[in-house]
Amino acid sequence: LRAQIEPHFLFNTLANVQQLYRTEPVRGRKMLGSFIRYLRIALPRMRHDETTLGHEVDLARAYLDVLKVRMGARLKVNFDIPDRLAALAFPPLSLSTLTENAIKHGLNPLPEGGTVEISARIESGQLRVSVADTGAGLRESGGSGAGIANLRALLAMLYGNAASLELAANTPRGIRASIAVPVRPAAKA
């Protein structure tokens, strides 16, 4: 997952910052600031097998802040994450994978863009975190599935059969991807 997410996002962001600094310096500075925040959040915990939901949400926010500069009004974002869930254990880069997929395969193909909603709940003793988009949907997304396959492998390695990843159609359109892991506090780092 680390190798798959980072190069694509890093190089695209740097190219966007470079272009914006030439054409729209204010937006360029905003994107660079968001990108620096993303790196400050991502790099210290990147090699860990576990992080917290709060950390993953902070990383997703920073990632989406960068993309908001690039996509403008085409991207709307909603978070519904209760504060009490922030300290719970969650697999690293899993929320980033789902968020990147929502943008890349869901919203980017549509001229009008759409909305990404990230939510978390405790259901039946599991922490369920969902990323829903109003994008192109399951059939038209066109990805290779490598990110989802890698995420399934990570969940199996960390949790065995106690975790799951589900993809479903979102209403009125798009995809809802949900990860469920056992509820437990994160180990001290």
Protein backbone atom coordinates (compact mmCIF):
# COMPACT_ATOMS: atom_id res chain seq x y z
CA LEU A 1 0.00 0.00 0.00
CA ARG A 2 2.79 2.44 0.88
CA ALA A 3 4.51 1.94 -2.46
CA GLN A 4 1.26 2.23 -4.38
CA ILE A 5 -0.20 5.39 -2.82
CA GLU A 6 2.77 7.63 -2.32
CA PRO A 7 4.53 8.02 -5.71
CA HIS A 8 1.37 8.79 -7.67
CA PHE A 9 0.09 11.33 -5.18
CA LEU A 10 3.49 12.87 -4.49
CA PHE A 11 4.45 13.49 -8.10
CA ASN A 12 1.00 14.72 -9.14
CA THR A 13 0.89 17.13 -6.22
CA LEU A 14 4.34 18.50 -6.90
CA ALA A 15 3.49 19.01 -10.58
CA ASN A 16 0.26 20.79 -9.59
CA VAL A 17 2.07 23.04 -7.10
CA GLN A 18 4.65 23.93 -9.75
CA GLN A 19 1.95 24.83 -12.28
CA LEU A 20 -0.12 26.79 -9.77
CA TYR A 21 2.88 28.82 -8.64
CA ARG A 22 3.25 29.98 -12.25
CA THR A 23 -0.43 30.68 -12.92
CA GLU A 24 -2.19 31.15 -9.56
CA PRO A 25 0.35 31.75 -6.78
CA VAL A 26 -2.27 32.04 -4.01
CA ARG A 27 -3.72 28.62 -4.85
CA GLY A 28 -0.18 27.27 -5.23
CA ARG A 29 0.73 28.39 -1.71
CA LYS A 30 -2.48 26.90 -0.35
CA MET A 31 -1.81 23.56 -2.05
CA LEU A 32 1.81 23.53 -0.88
CA GLY A 33 0.72 24.25 2.71
CA SER A 34 -1.80 21.41 2.59
CA PHE A 35 0.78 19.10 1.07
CA ILE A 36 3.33 19.91 3.80
CA ARG A 37 0.65 19.18 6.42
CA TYR A 38 -0.07 15.85 4.70
CA LEU A 39 3.63 14.87 4.78
CA ARG A 40 3.99 15.87 8.44
CA ILE A 41 1.10 13.58 9.32
CA ALA A 42 2.01 10.71 6.99
CA LEU A 43 5.76 10.26 7.31
CA PRO A 44 6.23 9.62 11.05
CA ARG A 45 3.78 6.68 11.14
CA MET A 46 4.21 5.25 7.64
CA ARG A 47 6.19 2.16 8.67
CA HIS A 48 3.91 1.16 11.56
CA ASP A 49 1.54 -1.80 11.36
CA GLU A 50 -1.08 0.07 13.35
CA THR A 51 -2.18 3.61 13.92
CA THR A 52 -5.31 5.29 15.28
CA LEU A 53 -8.48 6.20 13.50
CA GLY A 54 -7.78 9.83 14.48
CA HIS A 55 -4.43 9.74 12.72
CA GLU A 56 -5.96 8.16 9.60
CA VAL A 57 -8.71 10.81 9.57
CA ASP A 58 -6.12 13.59 9.90
CA LEU A 59 -4.23 12.09 6.97
CA ALA A 60 -7.41 11.83 4.87
CA ARG A 61 -8.28 15.46 5.68
CA ALA A 62 -4.83 16.66 4.62
CA TYR A 63 -5.01 14.60 1.41
CA LEU A 64 -8.46 15.95 0.58
CA ASP A 65 -7.34 19.52 1.35
CA VAL A 66 -4.67 19.15 -1.34
CA LEU A 67 -7.25 17.81 -3.77
CA LYS A 68 -9.73 20.57 -2.96
CA VAL A 69 -7.22 23.08 -4.27
CA ARG A 70 -6.79 21.04 -7.46
CA MET A 71 -10.46 20.17 -8.02
CA GLY A 72 -12.06 23.32 -6.63
CA ALA A 73 -15.86 23.27 -6.54
CA ARG A 74 -15.84 19.79 -8.12
CA LEU A 75 -14.97 18.26 -4.71
CA LYS A 76 -17.19 18.36 -1.66
CA VAL A 77 -16.18 16.56 1.53
CA ASN A 78 -18.12 15.54 4.63
CA PHE A 79 -16.74 13.87 7.76
CA ASP A 80 -18.91 12.12 10.35
CA ILE A 81 -16.36 10.78 12.84
CA PRO A 82 -17.29 10.89 16.55
CA ASP A 83 -14.37 12.21 18.64
CA ARG A 84 -14.62 9.24 21.02
CA LEU A 85 -13.45 6.89 18.24
CA ALA A 86 -10.21 8.75 17.46
CA ALA A 87 -7.99 6.70 19.83
CA LEU A 88 -9.11 3.32 18.48
CA ALA A 89 -6.66 1.14 16.57
CA PHE A 90 -6.92 1.21 12.78
CA PRO A 91 -4.68 -0.17 10.02
CA PRO A 92 -2.31 2.39 8.48
CA LEU A 93 -3.04 3.83 5.02
CA SER A 94 -6.33 1.93 4.78
CA LEU A 95 -8.47 5.06 4.93
CA SER A 96 -6.07 6.74 2.49
CA THR A 97 -6.52 3.87 0.03
CA LEU A 98 -10.31 4.13 0.14
CA THR A 99 -10.21 7.92 -0.10
CA GLU A 100 -7.81 7.87 -3.06
CA ASN A 101 -10.01 5.30 -4.83
CA ALA A 102 -13.09 7.47 -4.27
CA ILE A 103 -11.35 10.39 -5.97
CA LYS A 104 -9.48 8.54 -8.71
CA HIS A 105 -12.18 6.09 -9.79
CA GLY A 106 -15.31 7.85 -8.54
CA LEU A 107 -15.11 11.63 -8.87
CA ASN A 108 -12.26 12.35 -11.29
CA PRO A 109 -14.04 10.73 -14.27
CA LEU A 110 -17.04 13.04 -13.84
CA PRO A 111 -16.84 16.62 -15.14
CA GLU A 112 -19.04 17.78 -12.27
CA GLY A 113 -17.07 15.87 -9.59
CA GLY A 114 -19.06 15.00 -6.50
CA THR A 115 -18.95 14.36 -2.78
CA VAL A 116 -16.79 12.13 -0.59
CA GLU A 117 -18.22 11.27 2.82
CA ILE A 118 -16.11 9.58 5.48
CA SER A 119 -17.90 8.15 8.49
CA ALA A 120 -17.20 5.86 11.45
CA ARG A 121 -19.41 3.92 13.82
CA ILE A 122 -19.18 1.05 16.26
CA GLU A 123 -21.44 -1.80 15.14
CA SER A 124 -21.57 -5.26 16.72
CA GLY A 125 -18.22 -4.86 18.48
CA GLN A 126 -16.43 -3.62 15.37
CA LEU A 127 -15.19 -0.23 14.27
CA ARG A 128 -16.76 0.34 10.84
CA VAL A 129 -15.22 3.11 8.76
CA SER A 130 -16.82 3.97 5.43
CA VAL A 131 -15.86 6.13 2.47
CA ALA A 132 -18.78 6.89 0.18
CA ASP A 133 -18.59 8.83 -3.05
CA THR A 134 -21.19 10.11 -5.51
CA GLY A 135 -18.97 9.23 -8.44
CA ALA A 136 -18.96 6.97 -11.45
CA GLY A 137 -19.95 3.77 -9.62
CA LEU A 138 -18.71 0.20 -9.53
CA ARG A 139 -18.92 -0.69 -13.24
CA GLU A 140 -17.44 2.48 -14.63
CA SER A 141 -14.58 2.93 -12.16
CA GLY A 142 -12.10 1.04 -14.37
CA GLY A 143 -9.30 0.48 -11.85
CA SER A 144 -7.08 -2.59 -11.72
CA GLY A 145 -8.16 -3.43 -8.18
CA ALA A 146 -4.57 -3.53 -6.86
CA GLY A 147 -5.27 -1.09 -4.02
CA ILE A 148 -8.30 -3.07 -2.82
CA ALA A 149 -6.42 -6.38 -3.15
CA ASN A 150 -3.49 -4.98 -1.15
CA LEU A 151 -5.87 -3.63 1.48
CA ARG A 152 -7.62 -7.00 1.81
CA ALA A 153 -4.21 -8.65 2.25
CA LEU A 154 -3.23 -6.11 4.93
CA LEU A 155 -6.49 -6.67 6.83
CA ALA A 156 -6.02 -10.47 6.66
CA MET A 157 -2.43 -10.17 7.89
CA LEU A 158 -3.32 -7.88 10.81
CA TYR A 159 -6.72 -9.29 11.84
CA GLY A 160 -7.27 -12.65 10.15
CA ASN A 161 -10.99 -13.29 9.72
CA ALA A 162 -11.89 -10.64 12.33
CA ALA A 163 -11.82 -7.81 9.76
CA SER A 164 -13.65 -7.17 6.52
CA LEU A 165 -13.69 -4.87 3.51
CA GLU A 166 -16.97 -4.42 1.66
CA LEU A 167 -17.72 -2.54 -1.55
CA ALA A 168 -21.31 -1.66 -2.40
CA ALA A 169 -23.24 0.69 -4.62
CA ASN A 170 -23.91 4.04 -2.97
CA THR A 171 -27.25 5.81 -3.24
CA PRO A 172 -28.03 7.66 -5.50
CA ARG A 173 -24.76 6.71 -7.26
CA GLY A 174 -21.14 5.95 -6.55
CA ILE A 175 -19.46 3.45 -4.26
CA ARG A 176 -19.47 2.89 -0.52
CA ALA A 177 -16.35 1.11 0.74
CA SER A 178 -16.37 -0.02 4.37
CA ILE A 179 -13.68 -1.49 6.57
CA ALA A 180 -14.66 -3.24 9.81
CA VAL A 181 -12.01 -4.12 12.41
CA PRO A 182 -12.26 -5.24 16.05
CA VAL A 183 -12.75 -2.39 18.52
CA ARG A 184 -9.66 -1.89 20.65
CA PRO A 185 -7.45 0.97 21.81
CA ALA A 186 -4.28 1.53 19.82
CA ALA A 187 -1.01 0.24 21.25
CA LYS A 188 1.28 2.92 22.61
CA ALA A 189 3.76 4.03 19.94
